[in-house]
C-alpha cells in the first residue's frame, strides 16, 4: 500500500466525527422519544432550540460581536431555520405514535431526493457511488417499513412532512454556505426554532 492510498489524518478525523455525530443523533432521537411521551412536542422543541440559541449567543457574541447575526440573504436563512424547526416538530409528532426505527427509516429517502434535486437546483454533478449509497438506503427503507405494514397514518403523514423539510434544509445549507458563515447559519436555526 502506498502513502497515497492511506487515508490522511484529516480523513480519519472526519470519519470519527461522522460516527460521533451519528451516535449523538441516535441519542437525541431516543431521548426525544422518551420526552415526547411525557411532554408536549412543541414545548420540548422550544426548550431545545432556546438552549441552542442561548449557547450560540454566549459562545459567539463575545468573539464576533453581534455582527455574526447579519446576513445578505435573510429570507433564505430564515426559511432554512424554519425548515429545520418544522422538521423537528413533525419528526417529534411522528415519534409520539410511531416506532423510532420506522420513523428514521422513512428519513432515509432524504439522500435519494436530495441527489435528484442537486443537479437542477444547485448545478452539482452527482457521482455514481452517491446513487448506489442512496439506493441502498432506500432498499433498507423498504425492508424496514414494509409497504402495507400497520404503521399509523397520522405518524406516516408527520414523517413525510419531516422528510420534506429534511430535503429543504440541506439544499438551503449548501446554497447559503457559499456566502454565509457557520455562525450566522447556526444563529438563524436557533432563532427560528425558538420562535
N, C-alpha and C. Protein backbone atom coordinates (compact mmCIF):
# COMPACT_ATOMS: atom_id res chain seq x y z
N UNK A 1 0.84 -1.18 0.00
CA UNK A 1 0.00 0.00 0.00
C UNK A 1 0.89 1.24 0.00
N UNK A 2 0.63 2.15 -0.88
CA UNK A 2 1.44 3.36 -0.94
C UNK A 2 0.87 4.41 -0.01
N UNK A 3 1.69 5.42 0.26
CA UNK A 3 1.23 6.51 1.11
C UNK A 3 0.04 7.24 0.51
N UNK A 4 -0.02 7.29 -0.84
CA UNK A 4 -1.12 7.99 -1.50
C UNK A 4 -2.46 7.30 -1.24
N UNK A 5 -2.43 5.98 -0.98
CA UNK A 5 -3.69 5.27 -0.77
C UNK A 5 -4.11 5.22 0.70
N UNK A 6 -3.24 5.66 1.59
CA UNK A 6 -3.59 5.70 3.00
C UNK A 6 -4.42 6.94 3.30
N UNK A 7 -5.44 6.79 4.15
CA UNK A 7 -6.22 7.98 4.49
C UNK A 7 -5.38 8.95 5.32
N UNK A 8 -5.57 10.23 5.08
CA UNK A 8 -4.85 11.25 5.84
C UNK A 8 -5.47 11.38 7.23
N UNK A 9 -4.77 12.08 8.11
CA UNK A 9 -5.30 12.28 9.46
C UNK A 9 -6.59 13.09 9.41
N UNK A 10 -6.73 13.99 8.42
CA UNK A 10 -7.98 14.75 8.28
C UNK A 10 -9.13 13.84 7.90
N UNK A 11 -8.86 12.85 7.03
CA UNK A 11 -9.92 11.91 6.66
C UNK A 11 -10.33 11.07 7.87
N UNK A 12 -9.35 10.60 8.62
CA UNK A 12 -9.66 9.80 9.81
C UNK A 12 -10.43 10.62 10.83
N UNK A 13 -10.01 11.86 11.01
CA UNK A 13 -10.74 12.74 11.95
C UNK A 13 -12.16 12.96 11.46
N UNK A 14 -12.34 13.14 10.15
CA UNK A 14 -13.68 13.29 9.59
C UNK A 14 -14.54 12.07 9.82
N UNK A 15 -13.96 10.88 9.64
CA UNK A 15 -14.70 9.64 9.85
C UNK A 15 -15.14 9.52 11.31
N UNK A 16 -14.22 9.83 12.22
CA UNK A 16 -14.54 9.76 13.65
C UNK A 16 -15.64 10.76 13.99
N UNK A 17 -15.57 11.97 13.44
CA UNK A 17 -16.59 12.98 13.72
C UNK A 17 -17.95 12.57 13.16
N UNK A 18 -17.98 11.96 11.98
CA UNK A 18 -19.25 11.49 11.42
C UNK A 18 -19.84 10.39 12.30
N UNK A 19 -19.01 9.44 12.73
CA UNK A 19 -19.50 8.37 13.60
C UNK A 19 -20.01 8.93 14.93
N UNK A 20 -19.31 9.90 15.48
CA UNK A 20 -19.75 10.54 16.72
C UNK A 20 -21.08 11.27 16.50
N UNK A 21 -21.21 11.97 15.38
CA UNK A 21 -22.46 12.69 15.09
C UNK A 21 -23.63 11.71 14.96
N UNK A 22 -23.42 10.60 14.26
CA UNK A 22 -24.49 9.61 14.11
C UNK A 22 -24.89 9.07 15.48
N UNK A 23 -23.91 8.79 16.33
CA UNK A 23 -24.20 8.31 17.67
C UNK A 23 -25.01 9.34 18.46
N UNK A 24 -24.60 10.62 18.39
CA UNK A 24 -25.31 11.67 19.13
C UNK A 24 -26.72 11.88 18.58
N UNK A 25 -26.90 11.78 17.27
CA UNK A 25 -28.25 11.90 16.70
C UNK A 25 -29.13 10.75 17.18
N UNK A 26 -28.56 9.54 17.27
CA UNK A 26 -29.33 8.40 17.78
C UNK A 26 -29.73 8.64 19.23
N UNK A 27 -28.81 9.19 20.03
CA UNK A 27 -29.13 9.52 21.43
C UNK A 27 -30.22 10.58 21.48
N UNK A 28 -30.13 11.59 20.62
CA UNK A 28 -31.13 12.65 20.59
C UNK A 28 -32.50 12.09 20.25
N UNK A 29 -32.56 11.21 19.25
CA UNK A 29 -33.85 10.62 18.87
C UNK A 29 -34.43 9.77 20.00
N UNK A 30 -33.56 9.02 20.67
CA UNK A 30 -34.03 8.18 21.77
C UNK A 30 -34.53 9.03 22.94
N UNK A 31 -33.79 10.08 23.29
CA UNK A 31 -34.24 10.98 24.36
C UNK A 31 -35.53 11.68 23.95
N UNK A 32 -35.61 12.07 22.68
CA UNK A 32 -36.83 12.71 22.18
C UNK A 32 -38.03 11.80 22.33
N UNK A 33 -37.87 10.54 21.92
CA UNK A 33 -38.97 9.57 22.02
C UNK A 33 -39.44 9.47 23.47
N UNK A 34 -38.50 9.46 24.40
CA UNK A 34 -38.83 9.39 25.83
C UNK A 34 -39.54 10.67 26.28
N UNK A 35 -38.98 11.83 25.93
CA UNK A 35 -39.56 13.11 26.37
C UNK A 35 -40.92 13.38 25.73
N UNK A 36 -41.09 13.00 24.45
CA UNK A 36 -42.36 13.26 23.77
C UNK A 36 -43.50 12.45 24.36
N UNK A 37 -43.19 11.36 25.01
CA UNK A 37 -44.23 10.56 25.66
C UNK A 37 -44.73 11.24 26.93
N UNK A 38 -43.93 12.11 27.54
CA UNK A 38 -44.29 12.74 28.80
C UNK A 38 -44.63 14.24 28.68
N UNK A 39 -44.14 14.90 27.62
CA UNK A 39 -44.32 16.34 27.46
C UNK A 39 -44.77 16.65 26.04
N UNK A 40 -45.33 17.84 25.84
CA UNK A 40 -45.77 18.22 24.50
C UNK A 40 -44.55 18.43 23.60
N UNK A 41 -44.71 18.03 22.35
CA UNK A 41 -43.61 18.14 21.38
C UNK A 41 -43.17 19.59 21.18
N UNK A 42 -44.11 20.56 20.99
CA UNK A 42 -43.65 21.94 20.83
C UNK A 42 -42.86 22.46 22.03
N UNK A 43 -43.26 22.07 23.25
CA UNK A 43 -42.55 22.50 24.45
C UNK A 43 -41.11 21.97 24.46
N UNK A 44 -40.95 20.68 24.19
CA UNK A 44 -39.62 20.06 24.18
C UNK A 44 -38.74 20.71 23.11
N UNK A 45 -39.31 20.93 21.93
CA UNK A 45 -38.53 21.52 20.84
C UNK A 45 -38.18 22.99 21.15
N UNK A 46 -39.09 23.73 21.76
CA UNK A 46 -38.80 25.12 22.11
C UNK A 46 -37.66 25.19 23.12
N UNK A 47 -37.65 24.30 24.09
CA UNK A 47 -36.55 24.25 25.07
C UNK A 47 -35.25 23.91 24.36
N UNK A 48 -35.29 22.93 23.47
CA UNK A 48 -34.10 22.51 22.73
C UNK A 48 -33.50 23.69 21.94
N UNK A 49 -34.35 24.37 21.18
CA UNK A 49 -33.85 25.48 20.37
C UNK A 49 -33.50 26.70 21.22
N UNK A 50 -34.22 26.91 22.31
CA UNK A 50 -33.89 28.02 23.20
C UNK A 50 -32.52 27.85 23.83
N UNK A 51 -32.21 26.64 24.28
CA UNK A 51 -30.88 26.37 24.83
C UNK A 51 -29.83 26.55 23.74
N UNK A 52 -30.14 26.07 22.54
CA UNK A 52 -29.23 26.23 21.40
C UNK A 52 -28.94 27.71 21.14
N UNK A 53 -29.98 28.52 21.09
CA UNK A 53 -29.82 29.95 20.83
C UNK A 53 -29.01 30.62 21.94
N UNK A 54 -29.31 30.27 23.18
CA UNK A 54 -28.57 30.82 24.32
C UNK A 54 -27.07 30.49 24.20
N UNK A 55 -26.75 29.23 23.91
CA UNK A 55 -25.34 28.83 23.78
C UNK A 55 -24.65 29.54 22.62
N UNK A 56 -25.37 29.71 21.52
CA UNK A 56 -24.80 30.42 20.37
C UNK A 56 -24.46 31.84 20.77
N UNK A 57 -25.36 32.51 21.47
CA UNK A 57 -25.12 33.90 21.89
C UNK A 57 -23.95 33.98 22.88
N UNK A 58 -23.91 33.05 23.82
CA UNK A 58 -22.85 33.06 24.84
C UNK A 58 -21.49 32.78 24.20
N UNK A 59 -21.45 31.88 23.24
CA UNK A 59 -20.17 31.49 22.64
C UNK A 59 -19.72 32.48 21.56
N UNK A 60 -20.64 32.89 20.68
CA UNK A 60 -20.23 33.67 19.51
C UNK A 60 -20.23 35.18 19.72
N UNK A 61 -21.15 35.72 20.52
CA UNK A 61 -21.22 37.18 20.69
C UNK A 61 -19.93 37.76 21.27
N UNK A 62 -19.33 37.17 22.31
CA UNK A 62 -18.08 37.74 22.81
C UNK A 62 -16.94 37.70 21.78
N UNK A 63 -16.93 36.68 20.95
CA UNK A 63 -15.85 36.51 19.99
C UNK A 63 -16.04 37.35 18.73
N UNK A 64 -17.28 37.40 18.22
CA UNK A 64 -17.54 38.06 16.94
C UNK A 64 -18.36 39.34 17.06
N UNK A 65 -18.79 39.68 18.26
CA UNK A 65 -19.72 40.79 18.40
C UNK A 65 -21.08 40.32 17.86
N UNK A 66 -21.99 41.25 17.66
CA UNK A 66 -23.30 40.85 17.16
C UNK A 66 -23.36 40.89 15.63
N UNK A 67 -22.23 41.14 14.99
CA UNK A 67 -22.18 41.16 13.54
C UNK A 67 -22.43 39.81 12.91
N UNK A 68 -22.21 38.73 13.67
CA UNK A 68 -22.42 37.40 13.09
C UNK A 68 -23.90 37.13 12.78
N UNK A 69 -24.79 37.97 13.31
CA UNK A 69 -26.22 37.80 13.04
C UNK A 69 -26.64 38.38 11.70
N UNK A 70 -25.79 39.22 11.10
CA UNK A 70 -26.15 39.84 9.83
C UNK A 70 -26.01 38.85 8.68
N UNK A 71 -26.94 38.94 7.74
CA UNK A 71 -26.89 38.11 6.55
C UNK A 71 -27.37 38.91 5.35
N UNK A 72 -26.82 38.61 4.21
CA UNK A 72 -27.27 39.25 2.97
C UNK A 72 -28.49 38.55 2.39
N UNK A 73 -28.82 37.39 2.94
CA UNK A 73 -29.93 36.59 2.43
C UNK A 73 -30.86 36.17 3.57
N UNK A 74 -31.49 37.14 4.22
CA UNK A 74 -32.29 36.82 5.41
C UNK A 74 -33.46 35.90 5.13
N UNK A 75 -34.10 36.04 3.98
CA UNK A 75 -35.27 35.19 3.68
C UNK A 75 -34.85 33.73 3.59
N UNK A 76 -33.75 33.46 2.89
CA UNK A 76 -33.28 32.08 2.77
C UNK A 76 -32.78 31.55 4.11
N UNK A 77 -32.09 32.39 4.89
CA UNK A 77 -31.58 31.95 6.20
C UNK A 77 -32.73 31.62 7.15
N UNK A 78 -33.76 32.45 7.15
CA UNK A 78 -34.93 32.18 8.00
C UNK A 78 -35.69 30.96 7.50
N UNK A 79 -35.84 30.82 6.19
CA UNK A 79 -36.51 29.65 5.62
C UNK A 79 -35.79 28.37 6.00
N UNK A 80 -34.45 28.40 5.95
CA UNK A 80 -33.65 27.24 6.34
C UNK A 80 -33.90 26.90 7.81
N UNK A 81 -33.88 27.92 8.67
CA UNK A 81 -34.13 27.69 10.09
C UNK A 81 -35.52 27.16 10.35
N UNK A 82 -36.51 27.72 9.65
CA UNK A 82 -37.88 27.23 9.80
C UNK A 82 -38.03 25.80 9.30
N UNK A 83 -37.31 25.44 8.23
CA UNK A 83 -37.38 24.07 7.72
C UNK A 83 -36.90 23.09 8.77
N UNK A 84 -35.78 23.41 9.43
CA UNK A 84 -35.28 22.51 10.47
C UNK A 84 -36.22 22.48 11.67
N UNK A 85 -36.75 23.64 12.06
CA UNK A 85 -37.67 23.69 13.21
C UNK A 85 -38.95 22.90 12.90
N UNK A 86 -39.49 23.07 11.71
CA UNK A 86 -40.69 22.33 11.32
C UNK A 86 -40.39 20.84 11.22
N UNK A 87 -39.20 20.50 10.73
CA UNK A 87 -38.80 19.10 10.68
C UNK A 87 -38.70 18.49 12.06
N UNK A 88 -38.14 19.25 13.00
CA UNK A 88 -38.04 18.77 14.38
C UNK A 88 -39.43 18.57 14.99
N UNK A 89 -40.33 19.50 14.71
CA UNK A 89 -41.69 19.41 15.24
C UNK A 89 -42.44 18.22 14.65
N UNK A 90 -42.43 18.10 13.33
CA UNK A 90 -43.17 16.99 12.70
C UNK A 90 -42.51 15.64 13.01
N UNK A 91 -41.17 15.65 13.10
CA UNK A 91 -40.48 14.42 13.48
C UNK A 91 -40.86 13.99 14.90
N UNK A 92 -40.93 14.96 15.81
CA UNK A 92 -41.34 14.65 17.18
C UNK A 92 -42.77 14.15 17.26
N UNK A 93 -43.66 14.75 16.48
CA UNK A 93 -45.05 14.29 16.46
C UNK A 93 -45.15 12.88 15.88
N UNK A 94 -44.33 12.59 14.89
CA UNK A 94 -44.32 11.22 14.33
C UNK A 94 -43.81 10.24 15.37
N UNK A 95 -42.78 10.62 16.11
CA UNK A 95 -42.21 9.71 17.11
C UNK A 95 -43.18 9.42 18.25
N UNK A 96 -44.14 10.29 18.47
CA UNK A 96 -45.13 10.03 19.52
C UNK A 96 -45.99 8.82 19.19
N UNK A 97 -46.19 8.55 17.90
CA UNK A 97 -47.12 7.49 17.51
C UNK A 97 -46.48 6.37 16.69
N UNK A 98 -45.20 6.53 16.34
CA UNK A 98 -44.51 5.53 15.52
C UNK A 98 -43.28 5.01 16.24
N UNK A 99 -42.88 3.78 15.92
CA UNK A 99 -41.60 3.28 16.45
C UNK A 99 -40.44 4.10 15.88
N UNK A 100 -39.39 4.22 16.65
CA UNK A 100 -38.22 5.02 16.27
C UNK A 100 -37.58 4.51 14.97
N UNK A 101 -37.42 3.21 14.83
CA UNK A 101 -36.76 2.66 13.64
C UNK A 101 -37.53 2.98 12.37
N UNK A 102 -38.84 2.82 12.41
CA UNK A 102 -39.66 3.09 11.22
C UNK A 102 -39.64 4.57 10.85
N UNK A 103 -39.70 5.43 11.86
CA UNK A 103 -39.67 6.87 11.60
C UNK A 103 -38.35 7.24 10.92
N UNK A 104 -37.24 6.77 11.48
CA UNK A 104 -35.94 7.11 10.92
C UNK A 104 -35.72 6.47 9.55
N UNK A 105 -36.31 5.31 9.33
CA UNK A 105 -36.13 4.67 8.02
C UNK A 105 -36.80 5.48 6.91
N UNK A 106 -37.90 6.14 7.23
CA UNK A 106 -38.57 6.99 6.23
C UNK A 106 -37.64 8.14 5.83
N UNK A 107 -36.89 8.64 6.80
CA UNK A 107 -35.98 9.75 6.52
C UNK A 107 -34.82 9.33 5.61
N UNK A 108 -34.63 8.00 5.41
CA UNK A 108 -33.58 7.55 4.50
C UNK A 108 -33.93 7.81 3.04
N UNK A 109 -35.13 8.27 2.77
CA UNK A 109 -35.46 8.74 1.42
C UNK A 109 -34.76 10.08 1.14
N UNK A 110 -34.40 10.80 2.19
CA UNK A 110 -33.80 12.12 2.06
C UNK A 110 -32.62 12.14 1.09
N UNK A 111 -31.60 11.27 1.24
CA UNK A 111 -30.45 11.36 0.32
C UNK A 111 -30.85 11.15 -1.15
N UNK A 112 -31.78 10.27 -1.38
CA UNK A 112 -32.21 10.00 -2.75
C UNK A 112 -32.86 11.23 -3.38
N UNK A 113 -33.72 11.89 -2.63
CA UNK A 113 -34.41 13.08 -3.13
C UNK A 113 -33.42 14.23 -3.31
N UNK A 114 -32.50 14.39 -2.35
CA UNK A 114 -31.51 15.46 -2.47
C UNK A 114 -30.64 15.23 -3.71
N UNK A 115 -30.27 13.98 -3.98
CA UNK A 115 -29.48 13.70 -5.18
C UNK A 115 -30.24 14.07 -6.45
N UNK A 116 -31.53 13.76 -6.49
CA UNK A 116 -32.33 14.11 -7.66
C UNK A 116 -32.38 15.63 -7.87
N UNK A 117 -32.39 16.39 -6.77
CA UNK A 117 -32.53 17.85 -6.86
C UNK A 117 -31.19 18.59 -6.95
N UNK A 118 -30.09 17.92 -6.64
CA UNK A 118 -28.79 18.60 -6.61
C UNK A 118 -28.40 19.17 -7.97
N UNK A 119 -28.62 18.43 -9.04
CA UNK A 119 -28.25 18.92 -10.37
C UNK A 119 -29.13 20.09 -10.82
N UNK A 120 -30.47 19.94 -10.80
CA UNK A 120 -31.27 21.06 -11.31
C UNK A 120 -31.28 22.30 -10.41
N UNK A 121 -31.20 22.13 -9.08
CA UNK A 121 -31.28 23.28 -8.18
C UNK A 121 -29.93 23.90 -7.84
N UNK A 122 -28.90 23.06 -7.72
CA UNK A 122 -27.60 23.55 -7.30
C UNK A 122 -26.55 23.48 -8.41
N UNK A 123 -26.88 22.82 -9.50
CA UNK A 123 -25.92 22.68 -10.60
C UNK A 123 -24.75 21.77 -10.26
N UNK A 124 -24.94 20.84 -9.33
CA UNK A 124 -23.85 19.96 -8.92
C UNK A 124 -23.95 18.62 -9.65
N UNK A 125 -22.79 18.09 -10.03
CA UNK A 125 -22.73 16.78 -10.68
C UNK A 125 -22.76 15.71 -9.59
N UNK A 126 -23.63 14.72 -9.76
CA UNK A 126 -23.77 13.64 -8.78
C UNK A 126 -23.03 12.42 -9.31
N UNK A 127 -22.14 11.86 -8.51
CA UNK A 127 -21.34 10.71 -8.92
C UNK A 127 -22.10 9.41 -8.72
N UNK A 128 -21.69 8.38 -9.44
CA UNK A 128 -22.40 7.10 -9.43
C UNK A 128 -22.42 6.45 -8.05
N UNK A 129 -21.33 6.59 -7.28
CA UNK A 129 -21.32 5.94 -5.96
C UNK A 129 -22.32 6.60 -5.00
N UNK A 130 -22.64 7.86 -5.24
CA UNK A 130 -23.66 8.52 -4.41
C UNK A 130 -25.03 7.90 -4.69
N UNK A 131 -25.29 7.61 -5.97
CA UNK A 131 -26.55 6.96 -6.32
C UNK A 131 -26.65 5.57 -5.71
N UNK A 132 -25.55 4.83 -5.71
CA UNK A 132 -25.54 3.48 -5.14
C UNK A 132 -25.82 3.54 -3.64
N UNK A 133 -25.15 4.45 -2.94
CA UNK A 133 -25.36 4.58 -1.50
C UNK A 133 -26.80 4.99 -1.19
N UNK A 134 -27.33 5.95 -1.94
CA UNK A 134 -28.72 6.37 -1.72
C UNK A 134 -29.69 5.24 -2.05
N UNK A 135 -29.39 4.47 -3.09
CA UNK A 135 -30.24 3.33 -3.46
C UNK A 135 -30.26 2.25 -2.38
N UNK A 136 -29.09 2.00 -1.78
CA UNK A 136 -29.03 1.02 -0.69
C UNK A 136 -29.82 1.51 0.52
N UNK A 137 -29.75 2.81 0.81
CA UNK A 137 -30.55 3.38 1.89
C UNK A 137 -32.03 3.22 1.63
N UNK A 138 -32.45 3.43 0.37
CA UNK A 138 -33.85 3.28 0.01
C UNK A 138 -34.28 1.82 0.11
N UNK A 139 -33.42 0.89 -0.31
CA UNK A 139 -33.74 -0.54 -0.18
C UNK A 139 -33.92 -0.90 1.29
N UNK A 140 -33.08 -0.34 2.15
CA UNK A 140 -33.23 -0.57 3.59
C UNK A 140 -34.55 -0.04 4.10
N UNK A 141 -34.97 1.12 3.57
CA UNK A 141 -36.26 1.70 3.94
C UNK A 141 -37.39 0.72 3.63
N UNK A 142 -37.38 0.17 2.42
CA UNK A 142 -38.44 -0.76 2.03
C UNK A 142 -38.41 -2.01 2.89
N UNK A 143 -37.23 -2.46 3.26
CA UNK A 143 -37.10 -3.66 4.09
C UNK A 143 -37.66 -3.42 5.49
N UNK A 144 -37.41 -2.24 6.06
CA UNK A 144 -37.86 -1.96 7.43
C UNK A 144 -39.34 -1.59 7.48
N UNK A 145 -39.75 -0.68 6.61
CA UNK A 145 -41.13 -0.19 6.68
C UNK A 145 -42.12 -1.21 6.13
N UNK A 146 -41.70 -1.99 5.14
CA UNK A 146 -42.57 -2.98 4.51
C UNK A 146 -43.90 -2.35 4.12
N UNK A 147 -43.98 -1.79 2.91
CA UNK A 147 -45.24 -1.15 2.50
C UNK A 147 -46.43 -2.07 2.78
N UNK A 148 -47.44 -1.50 3.35
CA UNK A 148 -48.61 -2.28 3.72
C UNK A 148 -48.61 -2.68 5.18
N UNK A 149 -47.51 -2.36 5.90
CA UNK A 149 -47.49 -2.68 7.33
C UNK A 149 -48.45 -1.75 8.06
N UNK A 150 -48.70 -2.03 9.31
CA UNK A 150 -49.73 -1.31 10.07
C UNK A 150 -49.18 -0.10 10.81
N UNK A 151 -48.46 0.75 10.12
CA UNK A 151 -48.00 1.99 10.74
C UNK A 151 -49.15 2.99 10.76
N UNK A 152 -49.28 3.79 11.82
CA UNK A 152 -50.39 4.74 11.89
C UNK A 152 -50.29 5.80 10.79
N UNK A 153 -51.42 6.08 10.16
CA UNK A 153 -51.45 7.02 9.05
C UNK A 153 -50.98 8.40 9.48
N UNK A 154 -51.43 8.87 10.65
CA UNK A 154 -51.02 10.21 11.10
C UNK A 154 -49.52 10.26 11.33
N UNK A 155 -48.95 9.18 11.84
CA UNK A 155 -47.50 9.11 12.03
C UNK A 155 -46.76 9.16 10.71
N UNK A 156 -47.28 8.46 9.71
CA UNK A 156 -46.67 8.48 8.38
C UNK A 156 -46.77 9.88 7.78
N UNK A 157 -47.90 10.55 7.98
CA UNK A 157 -48.06 11.91 7.46
C UNK A 157 -47.02 12.85 8.07
N UNK A 158 -46.88 12.78 9.40
CA UNK A 158 -45.87 13.61 10.07
C UNK A 158 -44.46 13.25 9.59
N UNK A 159 -44.20 11.96 9.44
CA UNK A 159 -42.87 11.53 9.00
C UNK A 159 -42.55 12.05 7.60
N UNK A 160 -43.54 12.06 6.70
CA UNK A 160 -43.28 12.55 5.35
C UNK A 160 -43.16 14.08 5.33
N UNK A 161 -43.87 14.78 6.20
CA UNK A 161 -43.64 16.22 6.34
C UNK A 161 -42.23 16.49 6.84
N UNK A 162 -41.78 15.68 7.78
CA UNK A 162 -40.42 15.80 8.29
C UNK A 162 -39.42 15.53 7.16
N UNK A 163 -39.73 14.56 6.31
CA UNK A 163 -38.86 14.24 5.17
C UNK A 163 -38.75 15.43 4.22
N UNK A 164 -39.86 16.09 3.94
CA UNK A 164 -39.83 17.25 3.04
C UNK A 164 -38.91 18.33 3.59
N UNK A 165 -39.03 18.60 4.88
CA UNK A 165 -38.17 19.63 5.47
C UNK A 165 -36.71 19.15 5.52
N UNK A 166 -36.52 17.83 5.65
CA UNK A 166 -35.17 17.28 5.67
C UNK A 166 -34.51 17.35 4.30
N UNK A 167 -35.30 17.56 3.26
CA UNK A 167 -34.75 17.77 1.91
C UNK A 167 -34.44 19.26 1.72
N UNK A 168 -35.34 20.12 2.17
CA UNK A 168 -35.15 21.57 2.01
C UNK A 168 -33.93 22.05 2.78
N UNK A 169 -33.77 21.58 4.00
CA UNK A 169 -32.70 22.06 4.87
C UNK A 169 -31.30 21.89 4.27
N UNK A 170 -30.88 20.69 3.83
CA UNK A 170 -29.52 20.59 3.29
C UNK A 170 -29.32 21.33 1.97
N UNK A 171 -30.37 21.42 1.16
CA UNK A 171 -30.25 22.16 -0.09
C UNK A 171 -30.00 23.65 0.20
N UNK A 172 -30.75 24.20 1.15
CA UNK A 172 -30.53 25.60 1.52
C UNK A 172 -29.19 25.78 2.24
N UNK A 173 -28.77 24.78 3.00
CA UNK A 173 -27.47 24.86 3.66
C UNK A 173 -26.36 24.95 2.63
N UNK A 174 -26.44 24.10 1.62
CA UNK A 174 -25.43 24.10 0.55
C UNK A 174 -25.42 25.44 -0.18
N UNK A 175 -26.58 25.96 -0.45
CA UNK A 175 -26.70 27.23 -1.16
C UNK A 175 -26.15 28.39 -0.32
N UNK A 176 -26.54 28.44 0.95
CA UNK A 176 -26.14 29.55 1.82
C UNK A 176 -24.69 29.46 2.29
N UNK A 177 -24.14 28.26 2.33
CA UNK A 177 -22.77 28.10 2.82
C UNK A 177 -21.75 28.78 1.92
N UNK A 178 -22.15 29.13 0.71
CA UNK A 178 -21.24 29.82 -0.20
C UNK A 178 -21.05 31.29 0.19
N UNK A 179 -22.03 31.86 0.90
CA UNK A 179 -21.95 33.29 1.22
C UNK A 179 -22.07 33.60 2.71
N UNK A 180 -22.55 32.67 3.51
CA UNK A 180 -22.81 32.95 4.93
C UNK A 180 -21.87 32.15 5.82
N UNK A 181 -21.56 32.69 6.98
CA UNK A 181 -20.70 31.98 7.93
C UNK A 181 -21.50 30.92 8.67
N UNK A 182 -20.78 29.96 9.20
CA UNK A 182 -21.41 28.90 10.00
C UNK A 182 -22.13 29.51 11.20
N UNK A 183 -21.52 30.50 11.83
CA UNK A 183 -22.12 31.13 13.00
C UNK A 183 -23.45 31.79 12.65
N UNK A 184 -23.50 32.44 11.50
CA UNK A 184 -24.74 33.10 11.07
C UNK A 184 -25.83 32.06 10.84
N UNK A 185 -25.48 30.98 10.16
CA UNK A 185 -26.47 29.94 9.87
C UNK A 185 -26.96 29.29 11.16
N UNK A 186 -26.05 29.07 12.10
CA UNK A 186 -26.46 28.48 13.39
C UNK A 186 -27.39 29.43 14.14
N UNK A 187 -27.11 30.72 14.11
CA UNK A 187 -27.96 31.69 14.79
C UNK A 187 -29.39 31.64 14.25
N UNK A 188 -29.54 31.63 12.92
CA UNK A 188 -30.89 31.64 12.35
C UNK A 188 -31.65 30.35 12.62
N UNK A 189 -30.96 29.25 12.72
CA UNK A 189 -31.62 28.00 13.11
C UNK A 189 -32.13 28.10 14.54
N UNK A 190 -31.25 28.56 15.44
CA UNK A 190 -31.65 28.70 16.85
C UNK A 190 -32.80 29.67 17.02
N UNK A 191 -32.73 30.80 16.31
CA UNK A 191 -33.78 31.81 16.42
C UNK A 191 -35.12 31.28 15.89
N UNK A 192 -35.09 30.68 14.70
CA UNK A 192 -36.34 30.18 14.11
C UNK A 192 -36.97 29.09 14.98
N UNK A 193 -36.14 28.18 15.48
CA UNK A 193 -36.67 27.12 16.32
C UNK A 193 -37.22 27.61 17.64
N UNK A 194 -36.57 28.61 18.23
CA UNK A 194 -37.05 29.17 19.50
C UNK A 194 -38.37 29.89 19.30
N UNK A 195 -38.46 30.70 18.25
CA UNK A 195 -39.69 31.46 17.98
C UNK A 195 -40.81 30.49 17.65
